[in-house]
Protein backbone atom coordinates (compact mmCIF):
# COMPACT_ATOMS: atom_id res chain seq x y z
CA MET A 1 -215.36 4.31 86.17
CA ILE A 2 -216.02 3.87 90.22
CA THR A 3 -218.55 5.69 92.86
CA VAL A 4 -217.57 6.07 96.44
CA THR A 5 -220.54 5.47 98.73
CA ALA A 6 -220.51 6.32 102.73
CA ILE A 7 -221.09 3.41 104.89
CA PRO A 8 -221.83 4.98 108.32
CA ALA A 9 -221.01 2.97 111.25
CA LEU A 10 -220.03 3.34 114.97
CA GLN A 11 -220.74 6.38 116.39
CA ASP A 12 -218.64 8.99 113.65
CA ASN A 13 -217.00 6.75 111.40
CA TYR A 14 -217.28 6.33 107.73
CA ILE A 15 -216.63 3.19 105.70
CA TRP A 16 -215.70 3.93 102.16
CA ALA A 17 -217.11 1.74 99.26
CA LEU A 18 -215.66 2.35 96.03
CA VAL A 19 -217.93 0.64 93.61
CA SER A 20 -217.35 -0.35 90.08
CA GLU A 21 -219.18 -0.24 86.73
CA THR A 22 -219.38 -4.33 87.48
CA GLY A 23 -220.19 -4.17 90.76
CA GLY A 24 -217.38 -4.89 92.21
CA VAL A 25 -216.53 -3.40 95.59
CA VAL A 26 -213.42 -2.24 97.26
CA ILE A 27 -213.66 -1.44 101.32
CA VAL A 28 -212.10 1.08 103.37
CA ASP A 29 -211.28 0.66 107.05
CA PRO A 30 -214.14 -1.43 107.83
CA GLY A 31 -214.43 -0.79 111.97
CA ALA A 32 -217.54 -2.52 111.71
CA ALA A 33 -219.01 -5.18 109.97
CA ASP A 34 -222.70 -4.89 110.16
CA PRO A 35 -223.46 -1.53 107.97
CA VAL A 36 -221.35 -3.32 105.33
CA ILE A 37 -223.19 -6.42 105.73
CA ARG A 38 -226.81 -4.41 105.31
CA TYR A 39 -224.91 -2.88 102.58
CA PHE A 40 -223.80 -5.66 100.73
CA ASP A 41 -227.45 -7.33 101.08
CA GLN A 42 -229.09 -4.45 99.73
CA LYS A 43 -226.88 -3.93 96.35
CA HIS A 44 -226.16 -7.61 95.54
CA CYS A 45 -222.73 -6.35 95.04
CA HIS A 46 -219.56 -8.35 95.39
CA LEU A 47 -216.51 -7.87 97.57
CA GLU A 48 -212.88 -7.28 95.96
CA ALA A 49 -210.74 -6.02 98.29
CA ILE A 50 -210.12 -4.58 101.61
CA LEU A 51 -208.06 -1.23 102.84
CA LEU A 52 -206.69 -0.59 105.55
CA THR A 53 -204.98 2.69 106.97
CA HIS A 54 -204.11 1.89 110.58
CA HIS A 55 -204.71 -0.37 113.28
CA HIS A 56 -207.29 1.58 115.50
CA PRO A 57 -210.41 -1.00 116.31
CA ASP A 58 -212.69 1.50 114.48
CA HIS A 59 -210.79 0.88 111.20
CA ILE A 60 -210.31 -2.95 111.49
CA ASP A 61 -212.85 -4.54 113.62
CA GLY A 62 -215.10 -5.41 111.07
CA VAL A 63 -212.49 -7.56 108.85
CA GLU A 64 -212.62 -10.71 109.90
CA PRO A 65 -216.31 -10.86 110.75
CA LEU A 66 -217.38 -9.50 107.24
CA LEU A 67 -214.82 -11.88 105.12
CA GLY A 68 -217.12 -14.43 107.31
CA TYR A 69 -220.53 -13.58 106.44
CA LEU A 70 -219.79 -13.12 102.90
CA ASN A 71 -217.46 -16.36 102.98
CA THR A 72 -214.94 -14.94 100.62
CA GLN A 73 -211.52 -14.60 100.92
CA VAL A 74 -210.13 -11.27 99.23
CA PRO A 75 -206.91 -9.34 99.52
CA VAL A 76 -206.54 -7.04 102.50
CA TYR A 77 -204.17 -4.37 102.35
CA GLY A 78 -202.40 -2.46 105.77
CA PRO A 79 -199.94 -1.02 107.37
CA PHE A 80 -197.21 -3.14 109.27
CA ASP A 81 -199.19 -2.19 112.98
CA VAL A 82 -202.11 -4.29 111.39
CA LEU A 83 -200.02 -7.11 111.68
CA GLY A 84 -200.89 -9.77 114.25
CA ARG A 85 -204.33 -8.12 114.29
CA VAL A 86 -205.54 -9.01 111.10
CA ALA A 87 -204.00 -10.87 108.42
CA VAL A 88 -202.73 -8.38 105.42
CA GLU A 89 -200.76 -8.03 102.69
CA ARG A 90 -198.33 -5.67 103.91
CA VAL A 91 -198.06 -2.00 101.91
CA HIS A 92 -195.21 0.27 102.17
CA GLU A 93 -194.27 3.57 100.76
CA ALA A 94 -195.18 4.62 97.21
CA ASP A 95 -196.49 0.63 96.60
CA ARG A 96 -198.93 0.58 93.53
CA ILE A 97 -202.05 -1.31 94.19
CA THR A 98 -204.01 -2.78 91.07
CA LEU A 99 -207.64 -3.39 91.97
CA PRO A 100 -209.91 -5.54 89.92
CA SER A 101 -211.48 -2.74 88.56
CA ASP A 102 -208.39 -1.75 87.07
CA MET A 103 -208.20 1.44 89.58
CA ALA A 104 -204.65 1.61 90.95
CA LEU A 105 -203.80 3.41 93.98
CA THR A 106 -200.59 4.69 95.39
CA VAL A 107 -199.68 3.80 99.13
CA LEU A 108 -198.50 7.39 101.08
CA SER A 109 -196.99 6.77 104.19
CA VAL A 110 -198.41 9.40 106.68
CA PRO A 111 -196.91 8.62 110.06
CA GLY A 112 -198.12 10.73 113.42
CA HIS A 113 -201.95 9.61 113.87
CA THR A 114 -200.19 5.89 114.73
CA THR A 115 -196.68 5.13 113.67
CA ASP A 116 -196.80 3.56 110.56
CA HIS A 117 -200.33 5.19 109.28
CA VAL A 118 -200.56 5.24 105.46
CA ALA A 119 -203.51 6.66 102.91
CA TYR A 120 -204.08 5.34 99.28
CA GLN A 121 -204.30 7.72 96.64
CA GLY A 122 -204.80 7.44 92.87
CA ASP A 123 -207.47 8.47 90.01
CA GLY A 124 -208.33 11.46 91.96
CA LEU A 125 -209.22 10.13 94.88
CA LEU A 126 -207.44 10.07 98.54
CA PHE A 127 -208.05 7.86 101.35
CA PRO A 128 -206.25 9.19 104.38
CA GLY A 129 -208.09 7.58 107.39
CA ASP A 130 -207.42 9.51 110.40
CA THR A 131 -204.14 12.03 109.19
CA LEU A 132 -206.22 14.48 107.53
CA PHE A 133 -210.12 15.09 108.20
CA SER A 134 -212.00 18.44 106.48
CA ALA A 135 -211.14 21.56 108.48
CA GLY A 136 -208.71 19.34 110.70
CA CYS A 137 -206.08 16.70 111.30
CA GLY A 138 -205.74 13.60 113.42
CA ARG A 139 -204.67 13.65 117.27
CA LEU A 140 -201.12 12.26 117.74
CA PHE A 141 -201.38 8.61 119.44
CA GLU A 142 -198.14 7.21 118.60
CA GLY A 143 -195.93 9.11 116.32
CA ARG A 144 -194.22 12.15 116.11
CA MET A 145 -195.44 15.53 116.01
CA GLU A 146 -193.39 16.67 113.32
CA ASP A 147 -194.15 12.96 111.56
CA LEU A 148 -197.91 14.22 111.46
CA PHE A 149 -196.64 18.24 110.55
CA ASN A 150 -195.12 16.50 107.77
CA SER A 151 -197.79 13.97 106.75
CA VAL A 152 -200.25 16.55 106.82
CA GLN A 153 -197.82 19.10 104.51
CA ARG A 154 -197.91 15.94 101.94
CA LEU A 155 -201.61 15.36 101.80
CA GLY A 156 -202.11 19.26 101.35
CA SER A 157 -199.62 19.09 98.70
CA LEU A 158 -201.53 16.76 96.35
CA ASN A 159 -203.86 18.34 93.43
CA PRO A 160 -205.95 20.58 94.43
CA THR A 161 -208.82 18.71 92.94
CA THR A 162 -208.07 15.61 94.85
CA ARG A 163 -211.46 14.32 96.70
CA THR A 164 -210.72 13.25 99.96
CA TYR A 165 -212.46 11.12 102.07
CA PRO A 166 -211.35 11.17 105.71
CA ALA A 167 -212.78 8.24 108.25
CA HIS A 168 -214.72 10.25 110.48
CA GLU A 169 -217.27 13.14 110.82
CA TYR A 170 -215.93 15.53 112.23
CA THR A 171 -216.37 18.65 109.87
CA LEU A 172 -218.41 20.92 112.16
CA ALA A 173 -216.12 20.10 115.65
CA ASN A 174 -212.97 21.01 113.25
CA LEU A 175 -215.32 23.87 111.73
CA ALA A 176 -216.06 25.43 115.52
CA PHE A 177 -211.73 25.52 115.96
CA ALA A 178 -211.24 27.00 112.69
CA ALA A 179 -213.72 29.72 112.88
CA THR A 180 -211.98 30.53 116.45
CA LEU A 181 -209.16 30.95 115.30
CA GLU A 182 -210.16 33.10 111.86
CA PRO A 183 -213.56 34.41 112.94
CA ASP A 184 -213.13 36.69 109.65
CA ASN A 185 -212.62 34.23 107.19
CA ARG A 186 -215.95 33.98 104.72
CA LEU A 187 -215.58 30.70 103.49
CA ILE A 188 -214.93 28.89 106.61
CA ALA A 189 -218.59 30.88 107.72
CA GLN A 190 -219.74 29.12 104.24
CA TYR A 191 -218.72 26.39 104.39
CA ARG A 192 -220.02 25.93 107.98
CA GLY A 193 -223.56 27.15 107.12
CA GLN A 194 -223.38 23.91 104.33
CA ALA A 195 -221.96 21.76 106.84
CA ARG A 196 -224.93 22.18 109.24
CA LYS A 197 -227.66 21.82 106.38
CA GLN A 198 -226.14 18.49 105.57
CA ARG A 199 -226.01 17.47 109.19
CA MET A 200 -229.24 18.40 109.68
CA GLN A 201 -230.25 16.43 106.87
CA ASN A 202 -228.41 13.49 107.96
CA ARG A 203 -226.36 13.90 104.95
CA ALA A 204 -222.13 13.46 105.11
CA THR A 205 -219.86 16.53 104.78
CA LEU A 206 -218.04 14.61 102.74
CA PRO A 207 -215.73 14.07 100.44
CA THR A 208 -213.81 17.53 100.72
CA THR A 209 -211.35 18.50 98.54
CA VAL A 210 -207.12 19.59 98.67
CA GLY A 211 -208.04 23.09 97.67
CA LEU A 212 -211.39 23.55 100.11
CA GLU A 213 -208.63 22.07 102.82
CA HIS A 214 -206.33 24.90 102.04
CA ALA A 215 -208.85 28.02 102.25
CA VAL A 216 -210.45 26.04 106.00
CA ASN A 217 -208.59 24.30 107.44
CA PRO A 218 -205.82 25.63 109.87
CA PHE A 219 -203.33 22.56 109.74
CA LEU A 220 -202.98 23.22 106.49
CA ARG A 221 -202.80 27.36 106.85
CA THR A 222 -199.82 27.90 109.37
CA ALA A 223 -198.36 30.06 107.11
CA THR A 224 -200.65 32.41 106.59
CA SER A 225 -200.68 35.61 109.16
CA SER A 226 -204.05 35.33 111.04
CA ILE A 227 -203.37 31.69 111.71
CA ARG A 228 -200.01 32.53 113.39
CA THR A 229 -201.29 35.25 115.11
CA ALA A 230 -204.15 32.96 116.72
CA ALA A 231 -201.42 30.85 117.53
CA GLU A 232 -198.81 33.13 119.06
CA HIS A 233 -201.83 34.84 121.30
CA HIS A 234 -202.63 31.39 122.58
CA ALA A 235 -199.42 30.52 123.29
CA GLY A 236 -198.19 33.77 124.74
CA LYS A 237 -195.04 33.60 122.74
CA THR A 238 -193.59 34.35 119.25
CA LEU A 239 -193.87 31.33 117.22
CA ARG A 240 -191.40 31.73 114.07
CA GLN A 241 -191.93 28.48 111.95
CA PRO A 242 -194.82 27.05 110.86
CA PHE A 243 -194.28 23.73 112.64
CA GLU A 244 -194.46 25.49 115.60
CA ILE A 245 -197.79 27.17 114.89
CA PHE A 246 -199.15 23.70 113.96
CA ARG A 247 -197.56 22.14 117.27
CA GLU A 248 -199.48 24.86 119.20
CA LEU A 249 -202.58 24.40 116.80
CA ARG A 250 -202.57 20.48 117.69
CA LEU A 251 -202.19 20.66 121.27
CA TRP A 252 -204.72 23.37 121.72
CA LYS A 253 -206.79 21.05 119.57
CA ASP A 254 -206.64 18.38 122.07
CA HIS A 255 -208.16 20.32 124.48
CA PHE A 256 -210.97 22.53 122.32
CA ILE A 257 -214.77 22.25 122.83
CA ALA A 258 -216.68 22.58 120.30
CA ARG A 259 -220.33 24.23 121.11
CA GLU A 260 -221.97 22.80 118.06
CA ASP A 261 -220.05 19.63 116.83
CA VAL A 262 -223.31 18.12 116.41
CA ILE A 263 -227.07 19.25 114.37
């Protein structure tokens, strides 16, 4: 049995620790070493592997200091764009990684935020990195908008019960945008109230589920009339396809200022 624990890091990152019953830990996207080192010192567990979703520093900078402190060599898995920054075992679409705890994860290619971004999925869990957030999705940095659209839709096609562990605490800021698009969406309002309470108590709003995201995430709701109407009003023109709506939403969100992204 695997327990997933959030290790807060940097300004708003979550480093995810997959903890087995025997005390073995798999770390996802260690952008900083110190919080993970403190976790290991407190829990007296042992590192079994590291999973990386993409090459941005806030996801990989802790790898080498962590390995050095623990004085260990374990498999570090990551996509092509991490090579040259960190020594990794390169993963590709549909690769299956069997971890020492006997948990198996499948690699999903989800480009857009970066050109070679991957996610890890298995055992009812999803680690999407910066591709999918609760009530939002990642910015477009290096990839194409079409790639980001397809990647978000792909993750949204997973089983609705899939527990999803994004890499950032962006939920309140994303819900502020979602509420602007759908002010009458009761599920968004309820989720927003819940997220406020969690943040006031310094608790993570994550994980989310794929099913919840279909109810509150505008980037997975481009086929709904309310989202289409909001996007068309902002664009000042008719938007006929879900991709056109997605593109308008992503460009709008890039310049949207949330008034309560932090509580």
